[in-house]
């Protein structure tokens, strides 16, 4: 009897990890993404990361769509690609989680974007692992967006958000936008000192749901009462009528510096954000 109890205790953490979001797993996915080095849109490292994401998704029992497009940028046309993983439901409605996988172009520098580009990539892959094989009420889309970063040094005009603008327009035209209950964009959510302010451009009701969920799960300390307005990949979706918000830890000292490296990240932070997002998906499905 005691041997059986001991065996159960030893196995239980693995079972819990399999059932929910594992910060360690998300961090490992992030590590693999960052290992490709700087990954600006159109680069060889960006293409290698695309291939890695697609390889991982083959094990996740989802419908994968590659969404290539070639926008005009200040440096001319650059081929980009969004990657969509659909976990089908039966309601005809959808919930969407997005995040970008490209990194900012800094010529002559080694900016690997561990939190800024890496953490969103890793968390989305971890969510795909968790969602694999689960029965769904609504369609759940996980979307890796390309081209979030500006090609020039400055963030100005339409030199940014290339992937989200492309997909938002596409979904608006084909009717998908009208089916979406809520869209959560995750960006820079790996910081060891996690503090996510409420982004004021986002949908108020969806923000309330996320902050209520975080509080009920015991994570209120990480989802602050501070507010800030941020331009990010949620904005194009808002413009076509999709209820969308942005979860971003913008209080991150290494932002856009070569110090944005893996040692600044925390498995705990990734697990907190992933657990809240997964719970919100389930709550939206019950609505």
C-alpha atoms as a PDB file:
ATOM      1  CA  UNK A   1       0.000   0.000   0.000  1.00  0.00           C
ATOM      2  CA  UNK A   2       2.719   2.445   1.006  1.00  0.00           C
ATOM      3  CA  UNK A   3       4.684   1.593  -2.143  1.00  0.00           C
ATOM      4  CA  UNK A   4       1.606   2.358  -4.256  1.00  0.00           C
ATOM      5  CA  UNK A   5       1.098   5.685  -2.463  1.00  0.00           C
ATOM      6  CA  UNK A   6       4.740   6.599  -2.999  1.00  0.00           C
ATOM      7  CA  UNK A   7       4.471   5.734  -6.684  1.00  0.00           C
ATOM      8  CA  UNK A   8       1.343   7.899  -7.020  1.00  0.00           C
ATOM      9  CA  UNK A   9       3.049  10.838  -5.328  1.00  0.00           C
ATOM     10  CA  UNK A  10       6.013  10.499  -7.696  1.00  0.00           C
ATOM     11  CA  UNK A  11       3.779  10.379 -10.783  1.00  0.00           C
ATOM     12  CA  UNK A  12       1.285  13.073  -9.726  1.00  0.00           C
ATOM     13  CA  UNK A  13       3.370  16.142 -10.726  1.00  0.00           C
ATOM     14  CA  UNK A  14       3.810  14.724 -14.228  1.00  0.00           C
ATOM     15  CA  UNK A  15       0.077  14.062 -14.485  1.00  0.00           C
ATOM     16  CA  UNK A  16      -0.745  17.583 -13.360  1.00  0.00           C
ATOM     17  CA  UNK A  17       1.749  19.016 -15.839  1.00  0.00           C
ATOM     18  CA  UNK A  18       0.186  16.980 -18.636  1.00  0.00           C
ATOM     19  CA  UNK A  19      -3.285  18.245 -17.714  1.00  0.00           C
ATOM     20  CA  UNK A  20      -2.374  21.929 -17.452  1.00  0.00           C
ATOM     21  CA  UNK A  21       0.123  24.491 -18.644  1.00  0.00           C
ATOM     22  CA  UNK A  22       3.729  23.689 -17.760  1.00  0.00           C
ATOM     23  CA  UNK A  23       5.980  26.696 -17.374  1.00  0.00           C
ATOM     24  CA  UNK A  24       9.037  24.472 -17.751  1.00  0.00           C
ATOM     25  CA  UNK A  25       7.725  23.160 -21.067  1.00  0.00           C
ATOM     26  CA  UNK A  26       6.877  26.673 -22.308  1.00  0.00           C
ATOM     27  CA  UNK A  27      10.341  27.857 -21.326  1.00  0.00           C
ATOM     28  CA  UNK A  28      11.937  24.984 -23.236  1.00  0.00           C
ATOM     29  CA  UNK A  29       9.916  25.812 -26.367  1.00  0.00           C
ATOM     30  CA  UNK A  30      11.063  29.420 -25.947  1.00  0.00           C
ATOM     31  CA  UNK A  31      14.669  28.308 -25.589  1.00  0.00           C
ATOM     32  CA  UNK A  32      14.472  26.420 -28.877  1.00  0.00           C
ATOM     33  CA  UNK A  33      13.014  29.488 -30.629  1.00  0.00           C
ATOM     34  CA  UNK A  34      15.654  31.848 -29.251  1.00  0.00           C
ATOM     35  CA  UNK A  35      18.455  29.437 -30.215  1.00  0.00           C
ATOM     36  CA  UNK A  36      17.862  30.333 -33.877  1.00  0.00           C
ATOM     37  CA  UNK A  37      19.250  33.793 -33.067  1.00  0.00           C
ATOM     38  CA  UNK A  38      17.865  37.091 -34.399  1.00  0.00           C
ATOM     39  CA  UNK A  39      14.672  36.305 -36.356  1.00  0.00           C
ATOM     40  CA  UNK A  40      13.515  39.388 -38.262  1.00  0.00           C
ATOM     41  CA  UNK A  41      10.897  38.830 -40.936  1.00  0.00           C
ATOM     42  CA  UNK A  42      12.324  37.384 -44.146  1.00  0.00           C
ATOM     43  CA  UNK A  43      15.529  36.129 -42.540  1.00  0.00           C
ATOM     44  CA  UNK A  44      16.819  32.563 -42.716  1.00  0.00           C
ATOM     45  CA  UNK A  45      16.477  32.249 -38.931  1.00  0.00           C
ATOM     46  CA  UNK A  46      12.852  33.344 -39.206  1.00  0.00           C
ATOM     47  CA  UNK A  47      12.272  30.590 -41.808  1.00  0.00           C
ATOM     48  CA  UNK A  48      13.980  28.042 -39.558  1.00  0.00           C
ATOM     49  CA  UNK A  49      11.685  29.008 -36.690  1.00  0.00           C
ATOM     50  CA  UNK A  50       8.654  28.641 -38.971  1.00  0.00           C
ATOM     51  CA  UNK A  51       9.774  25.098 -39.741  1.00  0.00           C
ATOM     52  CA  UNK A  52      10.274  24.358 -36.038  1.00  0.00           C
ATOM     53  CA  UNK A  53       6.776  25.610 -35.161  1.00  0.00           C
ATOM     54  CA  UNK A  54       5.232  23.528 -37.951  1.00  0.00           C
ATOM     55  CA  UNK A  55       7.132  20.434 -36.840  1.00  0.00           C
ATOM     56  CA  UNK A  56       5.889  20.804 -33.270  1.00  0.00           C
ATOM     57  CA  UNK A  57       2.301  21.278 -34.418  1.00  0.00           C
ATOM     58  CA  UNK A  58       2.343  17.952 -36.278  1.00  0.00           C
ATOM     59  CA  UNK A  59       2.027  16.215 -32.901  1.00  0.00           C
ATOM     60  CA  UNK A  60      -0.854  18.363 -31.635  1.00  0.00           C
ATOM     61  CA  UNK A  61      -3.959  16.980 -33.406  1.00  0.00           C
ATOM     62  CA  UNK A  62      -4.901  20.337 -34.904  1.00  0.00           C
ATOM     63  CA  UNK A  63      -5.604  21.801 -38.319  1.00  0.00           C
ATOM     64  CA  UNK A  64      -2.569  23.793 -39.423  1.00  0.00           C
ATOM     65  CA  UNK A  65      -2.728  26.590 -41.986  1.00  0.00           C
ATOM     66  CA  UNK A  66       0.244  28.452 -43.396  1.00  0.00           C
ATOM     67  CA  UNK A  67      -0.720  32.002 -44.340  1.00  0.00           C
ATOM     68  CA  UNK A  68       2.024  33.537 -46.534  1.00  0.00           C
ATOM     69  CA  UNK A  69       1.871  37.151 -47.682  1.00  0.00           C
ATOM     70  CA  UNK A  70       4.316  39.734 -49.025  1.00  0.00           C
ATOM     71  CA  UNK A  71       3.738  43.282 -47.795  1.00  0.00           C
ATOM     72  CA  UNK A  72       5.505  46.373 -49.015  1.00  0.00           C
ATOM     73  CA  UNK A  73       7.848  47.739 -46.342  1.00  0.00           C
ATOM     74  CA  UNK A  74      10.322  50.640 -46.169  1.00  0.00           C
ATOM     75  CA  UNK A  75      12.932  48.086 -47.291  1.00  0.00           C
ATOM     76  CA  UNK A  76      10.786  46.826 -50.184  1.00  0.00           C
ATOM     77  CA  UNK A  77       8.648  43.688 -50.350  1.00  0.00           C
ATOM     78  CA  UNK A  78       9.395  41.104 -47.643  1.00  0.00           C
ATOM     79  CA  UNK A  79       7.879  37.619 -47.662  1.00  0.00           C
ATOM     80  CA  UNK A  80       6.186  36.857 -44.343  1.00  0.00           C
ATOM     81  CA  UNK A  81       4.062  34.048 -42.972  1.00  0.00           C
ATOM     82  CA  UNK A  82       1.452  33.660 -40.246  1.00  0.00           C
ATOM     83  CA  UNK A  83       0.938  30.153 -38.873  1.00  0.00           C
ATOM     84  CA  UNK A  84      -2.519  29.123 -37.623  1.00  0.00           C
ATOM     85  CA  UNK A  85      -3.411  26.063 -35.558  1.00  0.00           C
ATOM     86  CA  UNK A  86      -7.136  25.368 -35.285  1.00  0.00           C
ATOM     87  CA  UNK A  87      -8.568  23.095 -32.602  1.00  0.00           C
ATOM     88  CA  UNK A  88     -12.104  22.574 -33.920  1.00  0.00           C
ATOM     89  CA  UNK A  89     -15.271  22.840 -31.862  1.00  0.00           C
ATOM     90  CA  UNK A  90     -18.954  22.475 -32.682  1.00  0.00           C
ATOM     91  CA  UNK A  91     -20.583  25.817 -31.847  1.00  0.00           C
ATOM     92  CA  UNK A  92     -19.603  27.801 -34.934  1.00  0.00           C
ATOM     93  CA  UNK A  93     -17.955  30.370 -32.637  1.00  0.00           C
ATOM     94  CA  UNK A  94     -14.248  30.845 -32.017  1.00  0.00           C
ATOM     95  CA  UNK A  95     -11.687  31.971 -29.439  1.00  0.00           C
ATOM     96  CA  UNK A  96      -8.283  33.176 -30.633  1.00  0.00           C
ATOM     97  CA  UNK A  97      -4.885  33.483 -28.938  1.00  0.00           C
ATOM     98  CA  UNK A  98      -2.188  35.297 -30.902  1.00  0.00           C
ATOM     99  CA  UNK A  99       1.458  36.255 -30.469  1.00  0.00           C
ATOM    100  CA  UNK A 100       4.342  37.285 -32.719  1.00  0.00           C
ATOM    101  CA  UNK A 101       7.429  35.194 -33.421  1.00  0.00           C
ATOM    102  CA  UNK A 102       9.579  37.672 -35.362  1.00  0.00           C
ATOM    103  CA  UNK A 103      12.227  39.853 -33.725  1.00  0.00           C
ATOM    104  CA  UNK A 104      13.143  43.469 -34.306  1.00  0.00           C
ATOM    105  CA  UNK A 105      15.759  44.079 -37.001  1.00  0.00           C
ATOM    106  CA  UNK A 106      18.887  45.648 -35.510  1.00  0.00           C
ATOM    107  CA  UNK A 107      21.673  45.422 -38.128  1.00  0.00           C
ATOM    108  CA  UNK A 108      25.033  44.501 -36.666  1.00  0.00           C
ATOM    109  CA  UNK A 109      23.553  43.480 -33.313  1.00  0.00           C
ATOM    110  CA  UNK A 110      22.609  40.150 -31.768  1.00  0.00           C
ATOM    111  CA  UNK A 111      19.077  40.893 -30.579  1.00  0.00           C
ATOM    112  CA  UNK A 112      17.496  37.493 -29.896  1.00  0.00           C
ATOM    113  CA  UNK A 113      14.254  38.740 -28.302  1.00  0.00           C
ATOM    114  CA  UNK A 114      13.888  36.109 -25.569  1.00  0.00           C
ATOM    115  CA  UNK A 115      10.830  37.808 -24.092  1.00  0.00           C
ATOM    116  CA  UNK A 116       9.995  39.976 -27.118  1.00  0.00           C
ATOM    117  CA  UNK A 117       9.107  37.346 -29.710  1.00  0.00           C
ATOM    118  CA  UNK A 118      10.466  34.289 -27.943  1.00  0.00           C
ATOM    119  CA  UNK A 119       8.106  34.045 -24.978  1.00  0.00           C
ATOM    120  CA  UNK A 120       4.948  34.382 -27.072  1.00  0.00           C
ATOM    121  CA  UNK A 121       6.232  31.707 -29.463  1.00  0.00           C
ATOM    122  CA  UNK A 122       6.990  29.320 -26.619  1.00  0.00           C
ATOM    123  CA  UNK A 123       3.746  29.876 -24.744  1.00  0.00           C
ATOM    124  CA  UNK A 124       1.643  29.315 -27.871  1.00  0.00           C
ATOM    125  CA  UNK A 125       3.452  26.028 -28.499  1.00  0.00           C
ATOM    126  CA  UNK A 126       2.793  24.994 -24.911  1.00  0.00           C
ATOM    127  CA  UNK A 127      -0.896  25.872 -25.289  1.00  0.00           C
ATOM    128  CA  UNK A 128      -0.987  23.736 -28.432  1.00  0.00           C
ATOM    129  CA  UNK A 129       0.436  20.829 -26.443  1.00  0.00           C
ATOM    130  CA  UNK A 130      -2.211  21.245 -23.742  1.00  0.00           C
ATOM    131  CA  UNK A 131      -5.146  21.704 -26.143  1.00  0.00           C
ATOM    132  CA  UNK A 132      -4.212  18.659 -28.250  1.00  0.00           C
ATOM    133  CA  UNK A 133      -6.980  16.078 -28.180  1.00  0.00           C
ATOM    134  CA  UNK A 134      -9.263  18.009 -25.827  1.00  0.00           C
ATOM    135  CA  UNK A 135     -12.961  18.157 -26.791  1.00  0.00           C
ATOM    136  CA  UNK A 136     -13.922  21.716 -27.679  1.00  0.00           C
ATOM    137  CA  UNK A 137     -17.131  23.723 -27.665  1.00  0.00           C
ATOM    138  CA  UNK A 138     -15.774  26.587 -29.760  1.00  0.00           C
ATOM    139  CA  UNK A 139     -13.038  26.558 -32.369  1.00  0.00           C
ATOM    140  CA  UNK A 140      -9.798  27.642 -30.720  1.00  0.00           C
ATOM    141  CA  UNK A 141      -7.178  29.263 -32.934  1.00  0.00           C
ATOM    142  CA  UNK A 142      -3.563  29.673 -31.901  1.00  0.00           C
ATOM    143  CA  UNK A 143      -1.837  32.112 -34.242  1.00  0.00           C
ATOM    144  CA  UNK A 144       1.882  32.813 -34.627  1.00  0.00           C
ATOM    145  CA  UNK A 145       2.077  36.240 -36.257  1.00  0.00           C
ATOM    146  CA  UNK A 146       4.948  37.440 -38.400  1.00  0.00           C
ATOM    147  CA  UNK A 147       5.922  41.066 -38.950  1.00  0.00           C
ATOM    148  CA  UNK A 148       4.887  42.638 -35.662  1.00  0.00           C
ATOM    149  CA  UNK A 149       8.078  44.640 -35.474  1.00  0.00           C
ATOM    150  CA  UNK A 150       8.813  47.770 -37.499  1.00  0.00           C
ATOM    151  CA  UNK A 151      11.371  47.323 -40.282  1.00  0.00           C
ATOM    152  CA  UNK A 152      12.774  50.801 -39.676  1.00  0.00           C
ATOM    153  CA  UNK A 153      14.160  51.859 -36.289  1.00  0.00           C
ATOM    154  CA  UNK A 154      11.089  53.916 -35.454  1.00  0.00           C
ATOM    155  CA  UNK A 155       7.561  52.581 -34.961  1.00  0.00           C
ATOM    156  CA  UNK A 156       5.562  54.772 -37.328  1.00  0.00           C
ATOM    157  CA  UNK A 157       2.610  54.622 -39.694  1.00  0.00           C
ATOM    158  CA  UNK A 158       2.015  51.155 -41.135  1.00  0.00           C
ATOM    159  CA  UNK A 159       5.581  49.967 -40.688  1.00  0.00           C
ATOM    160  CA  UNK A 160       4.521  47.440 -38.034  1.00  0.00           C
ATOM    161  CA  UNK A 161       1.825  44.852 -37.293  1.00  0.00           C
ATOM    162  CA  UNK A 162       2.113  43.389 -40.797  1.00  0.00           C
ATOM    163  CA  UNK A 163       0.879  39.914 -39.902  1.00  0.00           C
ATOM    164  CA  UNK A 164      -2.021  41.002 -37.728  1.00  0.00           C
ATOM    165  CA  UNK A 165      -3.180  43.591 -40.266  1.00  0.00           C
ATOM    166  CA  UNK A 166      -3.083  40.961 -43.003  1.00  0.00           C
ATOM    167  CA  UNK A 167      -5.002  38.371 -40.976  1.00  0.00           C
ATOM    168  CA  UNK A 168      -7.560  40.821 -39.584  1.00  0.00           C
ATOM    169  CA  UNK A 169      -8.412  41.989 -43.102  1.00  0.00           C
ATOM    170  CA  UNK A 170      -8.625  38.391 -44.318  1.00  0.00           C
ATOM    171  CA  UNK A 171     -10.931  37.338 -41.463  1.00  0.00           C
ATOM    172  CA  UNK A 172     -13.076  40.434 -41.957  1.00  0.00           C
ATOM    173  CA  UNK A 173     -13.594  39.569 -45.623  1.00  0.00           C
ATOM    174  CA  UNK A 174     -14.293  35.838 -45.171  1.00  0.00           C
ATOM    175  CA  UNK A 175     -16.660  36.203 -42.193  1.00  0.00           C
ATOM    176  CA  UNK A 176     -14.411  34.630 -39.546  1.00  0.00           C
ATOM    177  CA  UNK A 177     -14.227  37.894 -37.590  1.00  0.00           C
ATOM    178  CA  UNK A 178     -17.964  37.806 -36.835  1.00  0.00           C
ATOM    179  CA  UNK A 179     -17.611  34.361 -35.216  1.00  0.00           C
ATOM    180  CA  UNK A 180     -14.903  35.317 -32.722  1.00  0.00           C
ATOM    181  CA  UNK A 181     -15.992  35.671 -29.086  1.00  0.00           C
ATOM    182  CA  UNK A 182     -12.647  37.022 -27.968  1.00  0.00           C
ATOM    183  CA  UNK A 183      -9.018  37.380 -29.006  1.00  0.00           C
ATOM    184  CA  UNK A 184      -6.105  37.565 -26.569  1.00  0.00           C
ATOM    185  CA  UNK A 185      -2.702  38.668 -27.818  1.00  0.00           C
ATOM    186  CA  UNK A 186       0.302  37.707 -25.683  1.00  0.00           C
ATOM    187  CA  UNK A 187       3.581  39.592 -25.954  1.00  0.00           C
ATOM    188  CA  UNK A 188       6.634  39.828 -23.687  1.00  0.00           C
ATOM    189  CA  UNK A 189       5.126  37.625 -20.988  1.00  0.00           C
ATOM    190  CA  UNK A 190       8.275  35.763 -19.879  1.00  0.00           C
ATOM    191  CA  UNK A 191       9.785  38.405 -17.564  1.00  0.00           C
ATOM    192  CA  UNK A 192      10.970  37.025 -14.195  1.00  0.00           C
ATOM    193  CA  UNK A 193       9.377  40.075 -12.576  1.00  0.00           C
ATOM    194  CA  UNK A 194       5.955  39.656 -14.145  1.00  0.00           C
ATOM    195  CA  UNK A 195       3.604  42.612 -13.963  1.00  0.00           C
ATOM    196  CA  UNK A 196       0.945  42.998 -16.644  1.00  0.00           C
ATOM    197  CA  UNK A 197      -0.877  46.328 -16.767  1.00  0.00           C
ATOM    198  CA  UNK A 198      -4.383  46.527 -18.191  1.00  0.00           C
ATOM    199  CA  UNK A 199      -4.118  47.781 -21.778  1.00  0.00           C
ATOM    200  CA  UNK A 200      -6.765  50.466 -22.344  1.00  0.00           C
ATOM    201  CA  UNK A 201      -7.261  50.083 -26.109  1.00  0.00           C
ATOM    202  CA  UNK A 202      -8.583  46.566 -25.582  1.00  0.00           C
ATOM    203  CA  UNK A 203     -12.131  45.302 -25.105  1.00  0.00           C
ATOM    204  CA  UNK A 204     -13.283  46.250 -21.598  1.00  0.00           C
ATOM    205  CA  UNK A 205     -15.407  43.155 -20.961  1.00  0.00           C
ATOM    206  CA  UNK A 206     -12.645  40.791 -22.032  1.00  0.00           C
ATOM    207  CA  UNK A 207     -10.138  42.646 -19.878  1.00  0.00           C
ATOM    208  CA  UNK A 208     -12.472  42.273 -16.888  1.00  0.00           C
ATOM    209  CA  UNK A 209     -12.812  38.557 -17.549  1.00  0.00           C
ATOM    210  CA  UNK A 210      -9.038  38.065 -17.662  1.00  0.00           C
ATOM    211  CA  UNK A 211      -8.387  40.103 -14.523  1.00  0.00           C
ATOM    212  CA  UNK A 212     -11.215  38.363 -12.644  1.00  0.00           C
ATOM    213  CA  UNK A 213      -9.879  34.978 -13.708  1.00  0.00           C
ATOM    214  CA  UNK A 214      -6.336  35.881 -12.628  1.00  0.00           C
ATOM    215  CA  UNK A 215      -7.629  37.008  -9.228  1.00  0.00           C
ATOM    216  CA  UNK A 216      -9.699  33.873  -8.690  1.00  0.00           C
ATOM    217  CA  UNK A 217      -6.697  31.706  -9.591  1.00  0.00           C
ATOM    218  CA  UNK A 218      -4.533  33.531  -7.043  1.00  0.00           C
ATOM    219  CA  UNK A 219      -2.507  35.555  -9.552  1.00  0.00           C
ATOM    220  CA  UNK A 220      -3.817  39.060  -8.836  1.00  0.00           C
ATOM    221  CA  UNK A 221      -0.321  40.247  -7.890  1.00  0.00           C
ATOM    222  CA  UNK A 222       0.846  39.722 -11.470  1.00  0.00           C
ATOM    223  CA  UNK A 223      -2.108  41.422 -13.198  1.00  0.00           C
ATOM    224  CA  UNK A 224      -1.854  44.953 -11.890  1.00  0.00           C
ATOM    225  CA  UNK A 225      -4.428  47.709 -11.459  1.00  0.00           C
ATOM    226  CA  UNK A 226      -2.244  50.037 -13.501  1.00  0.00           C
ATOM    227  CA  UNK A 227      -3.384  50.984 -17.003  1.00  0.00           C
ATOM    228  CA  UNK A 228      -1.521  51.898 -20.150  1.00  0.00           C
ATOM    229  CA  UNK A 229      -2.308  52.320 -23.843  1.00  0.00           C
ATOM    230  CA  UNK A 230      -0.194  50.159 -26.141  1.00  0.00           C
ATOM    231  CA  UNK A 231      -0.132  49.605 -29.898  1.00  0.00           C
ATOM    232  CA  UNK A 232       0.314  45.903 -30.521  1.00  0.00           C
ATOM    233  CA  UNK A 233      -1.052  43.029 -32.612  1.00  0.00           C
ATOM    234  CA  UNK A 234      -4.521  43.291 -31.049  1.00  0.00           C
ATOM    235  CA  UNK A 235      -5.199  46.673 -32.668  1.00  0.00           C
ATOM    236  CA  UNK A 236      -5.931  45.500 -36.270  1.00  0.00           C
ATOM    237  CA  UNK A 237      -8.422  42.947 -34.913  1.00  0.00           C
ATOM    238  CA  UNK A 238     -10.186  45.604 -32.832  1.00  0.00           C
ATOM    239  CA  UNK A 239     -10.500  47.731 -35.969  1.00  0.00           C
ATOM    240  CA  UNK A 240     -12.515  44.988 -37.723  1.00  0.00           C
ATOM    241  CA  UNK A 241     -14.862  44.521 -34.767  1.00  0.00           C
ATOM    242  CA  UNK A 242     -13.247  41.604 -32.915  1.00  0.00           C
ATOM    243  CA  UNK A 243     -13.248  41.852 -29.079  1.00  0.00           C
ATOM    244  CA  UNK A 244      -9.499  41.794 -28.508  1.00  0.00           C
ATOM    245  CA  UNK A 245      -7.021  42.590 -25.736  1.00  0.00           C
ATOM    246  CA  UNK A 246      -3.255  42.613 -25.249  1.00  0.00           C
ATOM    247  CA  UNK A 247      -1.415  40.925 -22.384  1.00  0.00           C
ATOM    248  CA  UNK A 248       2.022  42.521 -22.327  1.00  0.00           C
ATOM    249  CA  UNK A 249       4.608  43.087 -19.614  1.00  0.00           C
ATOM    250  CA  UNK A 250       5.973  46.334 -20.958  1.00  0.00           C
ATOM    251  CA  UNK A 251       7.836  47.124 -17.737  1.00  0.00           C
ATOM    252  CA  UNK A 252      10.830  45.161 -19.000  1.00  0.00           C
ATOM    253  CA  UNK A 253      14.226  46.836 -18.760  1.00  0.00           C
ATOM    254  CA  UNK A 254      15.981  44.788 -21.519  1.00  0.00           C
ATOM    255  CA  UNK A 255      13.291  45.682 -24.086  1.00  0.00           C
ATOM    256  CA  UNK A 256      14.885  46.051 -27.542  1.00  0.00           C
ATOM    257  CA  UNK A 257      18.377  45.603 -26.144  1.00  0.00           C
ATOM    258  CA  UNK A 258      20.811  42.737 -26.647  1.00  0.00           C
ATOM    259  CA  UNK A 259      20.214  41.869 -22.981  1.00  0.00           C
ATOM    260  CA  UNK A 260      16.776  40.409 -23.779  1.00  0.00           C
ATOM    261  CA  UNK A 261      18.143  36.906 -23.260  1.00  0.00           C
ATOM    262  CA  UNK A 262      16.920  33.622 -21.763  1.00  0.00           C
ATOM    263  CA  UNK A 263      18.343  34.328 -18.310  1.00  0.00           C
ATOM    264  CA  UNK A 264      15.784  37.137 -17.902  1.00  0.00           C
ATOM    265  CA  UNK A 265      12.849  34.725 -18.263  1.00  0.00           C
ATOM    266  CA  UNK A 266      10.958  32.613 -15.770  1.00  0.00           C
ATOM    267  CA  UNK A 267       9.050  29.360 -16.186  1.00  0.00           C
ATOM    268  CA  UNK A 268       6.741  30.576 -13.431  1.00  0.00           C
ATOM    269  CA  UNK A 269       5.761  33.688 -15.397  1.00  0.00           C
ATOM    270  CA  UNK A 270       4.984  31.659 -18.500  1.00  0.00           C
ATOM    271  CA  UNK A 271       2.948  29.193 -16.447  1.00  0.00           C
ATOM    272  CA  UNK A 272       0.956  31.966 -14.766  1.00  0.00           C
ATOM    273  CA  UNK A 273       0.019  33.642 -18.049  1.00  0.00           C
ATOM    274  CA  UNK A 274      -0.673  30.324 -19.769  1.00  0.00           C
ATOM    275  CA  UNK A 275      -2.861  29.077 -16.926  1.00  0.00           C
ATOM    276  CA  UNK A 276      -4.921  32.269 -16.928  1.00  0.00           C
ATOM    277  CA  UNK A 277      -5.303  32.229 -20.722  1.00  0.00           C
ATOM    278  CA  UNK A 278      -6.342  28.562 -20.734  1.00  0.00           C
ATOM    279  CA  UNK A 279      -8.948  29.214 -18.028  1.00  0.00           C
ATOM    280  CA  UNK A 280     -10.295  32.211 -19.941  1.00  0.00           C
ATOM    281  CA  UNK A 281     -10.659  30.059 -23.079  1.00  0.00           C
ATOM    282  CA  UNK A 282     -12.794  27.653 -21.069  1.00  0.00           C
ATOM    283  CA  UNK A 283     -14.876  30.476 -19.572  1.00  0.00           C
ATOM    284  CA  UNK A 284     -15.484  32.006 -22.998  1.00  0.00           C
ATOM    285  CA  UNK A 285     -16.597  28.598 -24.278  1.00  0.00           C
ATOM    286  CA  UNK A 286     -19.197  28.414 -21.503  1.00  0.00           C
ATOM    287  CA  UNK A 287     -20.684  31.768 -22.538  1.00  0.00           C
END
